[in-house]
Amino acid sequence: MVDRVKLYVFAIIIIAAIAVLLWRLRIRQQVIAPVVTPTPGGIGSDLYQKAENPGDKLPELNPLSNKPDTNPLSQTNPFKNVKTNPFK
């Protein structure tokens, strides 16, 4: 009976050691795996590089830059020269 228990313990130790070695080998292969560089694009990539933003070519337009003064009360402030803070 004692010999059989020793055999089972020894088999479990061997299986665990093999599992650890395979696990470490798999991790090492993932780390050493070569880095794949992307290949340059084809026709679509060339067209994308040549495309421009159409908003950059628009002229500067401001329709309100020359608007007339239509507010009749804009120059009728009777309290223009009054101080609002006497402690300043």
C-alpha atoms as a PDB file:
ATOM      1  CA  MET A   1       0.000   0.000   0.000  1.00  0.00           C
ATOM      2  CA  VAL A   2       2.809   2.407   0.863  1.00  0.00           C
ATOM      3  CA  ASP A   3       4.562   1.627  -2.426  1.00  0.00           C
ATOM      4  CA  ARG A   4       1.416   2.385  -4.352  1.00  0.00           C
ATOM      5  CA  VAL A   5       0.986   5.807  -2.614  1.00  0.00           C
ATOM      6  CA  LYS A   6       4.615   6.653  -3.363  1.00  0.00           C
ATOM      7  CA  LEU A   7       4.054   5.746  -7.007  1.00  0.00           C
ATOM      8  CA  TYR A   8       0.966   8.003  -7.241  1.00  0.00           C
ATOM      9  CA  VAL A   9       2.762  10.921  -5.579  1.00  0.00           C
ATOM     10  CA  PHE A  10       5.752  10.473  -7.901  1.00  0.00           C
ATOM     11  CA  ALA A  11       3.451  10.364 -10.973  1.00  0.00           C
ATOM     12  CA  ILE A  12       1.636  13.520  -9.877  1.00  0.00           C
ATOM     13  CA  ILE A  13       4.963  15.324  -9.365  1.00  0.00           C
ATOM     14  CA  ILE A  14       6.190  14.256 -12.824  1.00  0.00           C
ATOM     15  CA  ILE A  15       2.917  15.333 -14.501  1.00  0.00           C
ATOM     16  CA  ALA A  16       3.009  18.694 -12.691  1.00  0.00           C
ATOM     17  CA  ALA A  17       6.650  19.258 -13.723  1.00  0.00           C
ATOM     18  CA  ILE A  18       5.854  18.491 -17.373  1.00  0.00           C
ATOM     19  CA  ALA A  19       2.828  20.810 -17.256  1.00  0.00           C
ATOM     20  CA  VAL A  20       4.934  23.664 -15.827  1.00  0.00           C
ATOM     21  CA  LEU A  21       7.656  23.152 -18.442  1.00  0.00           C
ATOM     22  CA  LEU A  22       5.137  23.163 -21.299  1.00  0.00           C
ATOM     23  CA  TRP A  23       3.439  26.255 -19.902  1.00  0.00           C
ATOM     24  CA  ARG A  24       6.761  28.148 -19.642  1.00  0.00           C
ATOM     25  CA  LEU A  25       7.727  27.048 -23.148  1.00  0.00           C
ATOM     26  CA  ARG A  26       4.422  28.361 -24.518  1.00  0.00           C
ATOM     27  CA  ILE A  27       4.926  31.736 -22.781  1.00  0.00           C
ATOM     28  CA  ARG A  28       8.491  32.007 -24.082  1.00  0.00           C
ATOM     29  CA  GLN A  29       7.323  31.310 -27.655  1.00  0.00           C
ATOM     30  CA  GLN A  30       4.689  34.041 -27.395  1.00  0.00           C
ATOM     31  CA  VAL A  31       7.280  36.574 -26.228  1.00  0.00           C
ATOM     32  CA  ILE A  32       9.845  35.658 -28.890  1.00  0.00           C
ATOM     33  CA  ALA A  33       7.286  35.552 -31.698  1.00  0.00           C
ATOM     34  CA  PRO A  34       8.371  37.792 -34.568  1.00  0.00           C
ATOM     35  CA  VAL A  35       6.666  41.138 -34.935  1.00  0.00           C
ATOM     36  CA  VAL A  36       4.752  41.370 -38.181  1.00  0.00           C
ATOM     37  CA  THR A  37       5.136  44.767 -39.817  1.00  0.00           C
ATOM     38  CA  PRO A  38       2.130  45.979 -41.764  1.00  0.00           C
ATOM     39  CA  THR A  39       2.565  46.086 -45.496  1.00  0.00           C
ATOM     40  CA  PRO A  40       2.002  49.402 -47.227  1.00  0.00           C
ATOM     41  CA  GLY A  41      -1.529  49.994 -48.425  1.00  0.00           C
ATOM     42  CA  GLY A  42      -2.733  49.670 -51.957  1.00  0.00           C
ATOM     43  CA  ILE A  43      -4.898  51.936 -54.080  1.00  0.00           C
ATOM     44  CA  GLY A  44      -7.191  52.971 -51.248  1.00  0.00           C
ATOM     45  CA  SER A  45      -4.288  54.086 -49.102  1.00  0.00           C
ATOM     46  CA  ASP A  46      -2.845  56.178 -51.934  1.00  0.00           C
ATOM     47  CA  LEU A  47      -6.196  57.854 -52.515  1.00  0.00           C
ATOM     48  CA  TYR A  48      -6.580  58.584 -48.831  1.00  0.00           C
ATOM     49  CA  GLN A  49      -3.162  60.245 -48.700  1.00  0.00           C
ATOM     50  CA  LYS A  50      -3.994  62.413 -51.742  1.00  0.00           C
ATOM     51  CA  ALA A  51      -7.413  63.481 -50.454  1.00  0.00           C
ATOM     52  CA  GLU A  52      -7.675  66.994 -49.075  1.00  0.00           C
ATOM     53  CA  ASN A  53     -10.134  68.701 -46.796  1.00  0.00           C
ATOM     54  CA  PRO A  54     -12.526  70.767 -48.958  1.00  0.00           C
ATOM     55  CA  GLY A  55     -13.215  73.049 -46.009  1.00  0.00           C
ATOM     56  CA  ASP A  56      -9.668  74.422 -46.198  1.00  0.00           C
ATOM     57  CA  LYS A  57     -10.278  75.906 -49.650  1.00  0.00           C
ATOM     58  CA  LEU A  58     -13.451  77.844 -48.793  1.00  0.00           C
ATOM     59  CA  PRO A  59     -13.188  81.649 -48.964  1.00  0.00           C
ATOM     60  CA  GLU A  60     -13.543  83.648 -45.771  1.00  0.00           C
ATOM     61  CA  LEU A  61     -17.189  84.663 -45.695  1.00  0.00           C
ATOM     62  CA  ASN A  62     -18.805  86.630 -42.928  1.00  0.00           C
ATOM     63  CA  PRO A  63     -22.203  87.971 -43.979  1.00  0.00           C
ATOM     64  CA  LEU A  64     -22.452  90.147 -40.861  1.00  0.00           C
ATOM     65  CA  SER A  65     -19.139  91.966 -41.256  1.00  0.00           C
ATOM     66  CA  ASN A  66     -20.771  94.906 -43.127  1.00  0.00           C
ATOM     67  CA  LYS A  67     -24.181  94.919 -41.466  1.00  0.00           C
ATOM     68  CA  PRO A  68     -25.921  98.257 -40.970  1.00  0.00           C
ATOM     69  CA  ASP A  69     -26.600  99.603 -37.488  1.00  0.00           C
ATOM     70  CA  THR A  70     -30.330  99.034 -37.137  1.00  0.00           C
ATOM     71  CA  ASN A  71     -30.659  99.580 -33.396  1.00  0.00           C
ATOM     72  CA  PRO A  72     -32.030 103.109 -32.829  1.00  0.00           C
ATOM     73  CA  LEU A  73     -31.189 102.986 -29.109  1.00  0.00           C
ATOM     74  CA  SER A  74     -27.528 102.023 -29.369  1.00  0.00           C
ATOM     75  CA  GLN A  75     -26.285 105.617 -28.955  1.00  0.00           C
ATOM     76  CA  THR A  76     -28.889 106.941 -26.519  1.00  0.00           C
ATOM     77  CA  ASN A  77     -27.457 106.030 -23.117  1.00  0.00           C
ATOM     78  CA  PRO A  78     -28.049 109.003 -20.810  1.00  0.00           C
ATOM     79  CA  PHE A  79     -25.976 107.479 -17.999  1.00  0.00           C
ATOM     80  CA  LYS A  80     -22.727 107.029 -19.907  1.00  0.00           C
ATOM     81  CA  ASN A  81     -20.421 109.013 -17.576  1.00  0.00           C
ATOM     82  CA  VAL A  82     -21.879 107.904 -14.228  1.00  0.00           C
ATOM     83  CA  LYS A  83     -19.627 105.982 -11.828  1.00  0.00           C
ATOM     84  CA  THR A  84     -21.175 102.738 -10.681  1.00  0.00           C
ATOM     85  CA  ASN A  85     -18.723 101.939  -7.877  1.00  0.00           C
ATOM     86  CA  PRO A  86     -17.876 104.880  -5.613  1.00  0.00           C
ATOM     87  CA  PHE A  87     -15.160 102.878  -3.743  1.00  0.00           C
ATOM     88  CA  LYS A  88     -12.993 102.251  -6.779  1.00  0.00           C
END
